[in-house]
Protein backbone atom coordinates (compact mmCIF):
# COMPACT_ATOMS: atom_id res chain seq x y z
CA MET A 1 -0.01 -0.01 0.01
CA ALA A 2 1.41 3.38 -1.02
CA SER A 3 1.73 6.14 1.50
CA TYR A 4 0.49 9.68 0.76
CA SER A 5 3.97 11.09 0.99
CA SER A 6 5.45 8.99 -1.82
CA PRO A 7 7.28 10.92 -4.52
CA ARG A 8 5.06 9.49 -7.24
CA LEU A 9 1.85 10.77 -5.56
CA ALA A 10 3.51 14.12 -4.99
CA ARG A 11 4.33 14.39 -8.71
CA ILE A 12 0.79 13.42 -9.63
CA ARG A 13 -0.60 16.02 -7.22
CA VAL A 14 1.64 18.77 -8.65
CA ALA A 15 0.67 17.75 -12.20
CA ALA A 16 -3.05 17.90 -11.32
CA LEU A 17 -2.63 21.33 -9.73
CA VAL A 18 -0.81 22.60 -12.83
CA CYS A 19 -3.62 21.23 -15.05
CA ALA A 20 -6.29 22.78 -12.83
CA ASP A 21 -4.50 26.13 -12.80
CA THR A 22 -4.14 26.13 -16.56
CA LEU A 23 -7.77 25.00 -17.03
CA ALA A 24 -8.93 27.91 -14.88
CA TYR A 25 -7.08 30.41 -17.06
CA VAL A 26 -8.29 28.81 -20.29
CA THR A 27 -11.88 28.72 -19.02
CA GLY A 28 -11.70 32.41 -18.06
CA VAL A 29 -10.26 33.49 -21.39
CA VAL A 30 -12.79 31.45 -23.37
CA LEU A 31 -15.77 32.72 -21.39
CA VAL A 32 -14.68 36.37 -21.56
CA SER A 33 -13.82 36.09 -25.28
CA THR A 34 -17.10 34.37 -26.12
CA PHE A 35 -19.13 36.91 -24.17
CA PHE A 36 -17.53 39.98 -25.75
CA VAL A 37 -17.36 38.61 -29.32
CA THR A 38 -20.98 37.46 -29.18
CA ALA A 39 -22.11 40.80 -27.71
CA ILE A 40 -20.28 42.74 -30.45
CA SER A 41 -21.59 40.43 -33.17
CA LEU A 42 -25.18 40.76 -31.95
CA ALA A 43 -24.83 44.54 -31.66
CA VAL A 44 -23.66 44.95 -35.24
CA GLY A 45 -26.23 42.47 -36.62
CA GLY A 46 -23.90 39.56 -37.34
CA GLY A 47 -25.77 37.16 -35.08
CA PHE A 48 -24.24 33.97 -33.87
CA GLU A 49 -22.62 33.29 -37.25
CA GLY A 50 -20.65 36.53 -36.80
CA ALA A 51 -19.73 35.41 -33.31
CA LYS A 52 -18.43 32.10 -34.67
CA ILE A 53 -16.30 33.92 -37.26
CA GLY A 54 -15.13 36.45 -34.66
CA LEU A 55 -14.07 33.67 -32.29
CA PHE A 56 -12.25 31.93 -35.15
CA LEU A 57 -10.30 35.08 -35.97
CA LEU A 58 -9.66 35.95 -32.33
CA GLY A 59 -8.37 32.43 -31.72
CA PHE A 60 -5.77 32.79 -34.38
CA VAL A 61 -4.78 36.29 -33.21
CA LEU A 62 -4.32 35.00 -29.67
CA MET A 63 -2.31 32.03 -30.94
CA ALA A 64 -0.02 34.31 -32.95
CA TYR A 65 0.47 36.67 -29.98
CA ALA A 66 1.14 33.78 -27.59
CA THR A 67 3.64 32.25 -30.03
CA ILE A 68 5.50 35.57 -30.29
CA ARG A 69 5.55 35.87 -26.47
CA LEU A 70 6.85 32.26 -26.14
CA TRP A 71 9.61 32.79 -28.67
CA PRO A 72 13.02 33.35 -26.98
CA SER A 73 14.46 36.76 -27.58
CA SER A 74 18.07 35.63 -27.61
CA PRO A 75 20.12 32.43 -27.57
CA GLU A 76 21.16 33.16 -24.00
CA GLU A 77 17.54 33.17 -22.93
CA LEU A 78 17.02 29.81 -24.60
CA GLU A 79 20.03 28.36 -22.81
CA ARG A 80 18.87 29.87 -19.49
CA THR A 81 15.43 28.31 -19.96
CA GLN A 82 16.83 24.89 -20.84
CA SER A 83 19.20 24.90 -17.86
CA GLY A 84 16.33 25.68 -15.49
CA THR A 85 17.85 28.77 -13.96
CA VAL A 86 15.67 31.71 -13.09
CA GLY A 87 16.12 34.73 -15.31
CA THR A 88 13.92 37.37 -16.83
CA GLU A 89 10.99 36.67 -19.07
CA ALA A 90 9.71 39.41 -21.36
CA GLY A 91 8.39 42.11 -19.03
CA ARG A 92 8.92 40.13 -15.82
CA ALA A 93 11.33 41.01 -13.09
CA ILE A 94 13.75 38.53 -11.63
CA GLY A 95 12.17 36.73 -8.69
CA ALA A 96 8.60 37.67 -9.64
CA GLU A 97 5.98 34.98 -9.65
CA PRO A 98 5.70 33.66 -13.21
CA ASP A 99 1.90 33.63 -13.32
CA GLN A 100 0.90 36.65 -11.32
CA THR A 101 -0.96 38.55 -14.00
CA THR A 102 -4.06 40.49 -13.01
CA PHE A 103 -6.27 38.17 -15.03
CA GLN A 104 -4.76 35.09 -13.36
CA ARG A 105 -5.44 36.54 -9.92
CA LEU A 106 -9.03 37.26 -10.92
CA VAL A 107 -9.57 33.75 -12.21
CA ARG A 108 -8.14 32.25 -9.05
CA THR A 109 -10.74 34.13 -6.95
CA LEU A 110 -13.67 32.50 -8.77
CA PRO A 111 -15.22 29.18 -7.69
CA PRO A 112 -14.33 26.35 -7.94
CA PHE A 113 -10.74 27.44 -8.46
CA ARG A 114 -10.64 29.52 -5.30
CA TRP A 115 -10.69 26.28 -3.29
CA ILE A 116 -7.80 24.70 -5.21
CA THR A 117 -4.29 25.36 -3.97
CA PRO A 118 -2.17 26.92 -6.75
CA PRO A 119 0.78 24.80 -7.87
CA PRO A 120 4.32 25.69 -6.77
CA PRO A 121 5.54 28.64 -8.86
CA MET A 122 8.45 26.65 -10.34
CA TYR A 123 6.01 24.22 -11.99
CA THR A 124 3.38 26.58 -13.32
CA ILE A 125 2.92 27.22 -17.03
CA SER A 126 3.94 30.74 -18.02
CA PRO A 127 1.22 33.28 -18.97
CA PRO A 128 2.13 33.05 -22.65
CA GLY A 129 1.83 29.27 -22.46
CA LYS A 130 -1.57 29.59 -20.82
CA LEU A 131 -2.61 32.10 -23.48
CA PHE A 132 -1.59 29.61 -26.16
CA TRP A 133 -3.79 26.94 -24.64
CA SER A 134 -6.54 29.58 -24.32
CA SER A 135 -6.31 30.28 -28.03
CA VAL A 136 -6.86 26.61 -28.68
CA GLY A 137 -9.92 26.80 -26.42
CA VAL A 138 -11.27 29.81 -28.33
CA LEU A 139 -10.77 27.98 -31.64
CA LEU A 140 -12.46 24.90 -30.18
CA THR A 141 -15.47 27.05 -29.12
CA SER A 142 -15.76 28.37 -32.67
CA TYR A 143 -15.58 24.85 -34.02
CA LEU A 144 -18.20 23.59 -31.55
CA LEU A 145 -20.55 26.45 -32.47
CA GLU A 146 -20.48 25.20 -36.06
CA THR A 147 -20.48 21.44 -35.59
CA VAL A 148 -22.58 20.91 -32.46
CA LEU A 149 -24.97 23.90 -32.53
CA GLY A 150 -25.10 24.17 -36.34
CA VAL A 151 -24.31 27.88 -36.46
CA GLY A 152 -23.53 28.95 -40.02
CA VAL A 153 -23.82 25.57 -41.67
């Protein structure tokens, strides 16, 4: 029988916390994006078909922006990242928490994520990485609007 303090269970727990933290961010971005794009589309007379197209375009814009943010700015930064040492990330001071954006703090205050302990900072996915996964979520929402709900078919 395995004890609760085994290294394997600790790794599984940290991985689950990282997934929950990333899922909270992705859910927040997808909900906010869907709300605003749908509201704008309905206001200009595009209906839900316009919202589907808007989400599709927004998903690719977010993906491009996240990819640019994830791209290393110099070979030294790439080496520093691969070696695991703490350095600077675009716009982040040395020693700052890697995921302490205003949006991330807001998402963490909402249920059910307010009751989940955030993962250790050294294991969290960076904000650009979370934004990349969020762009996939926005694209998936656009796809589901078309295939499941039949919008614009």
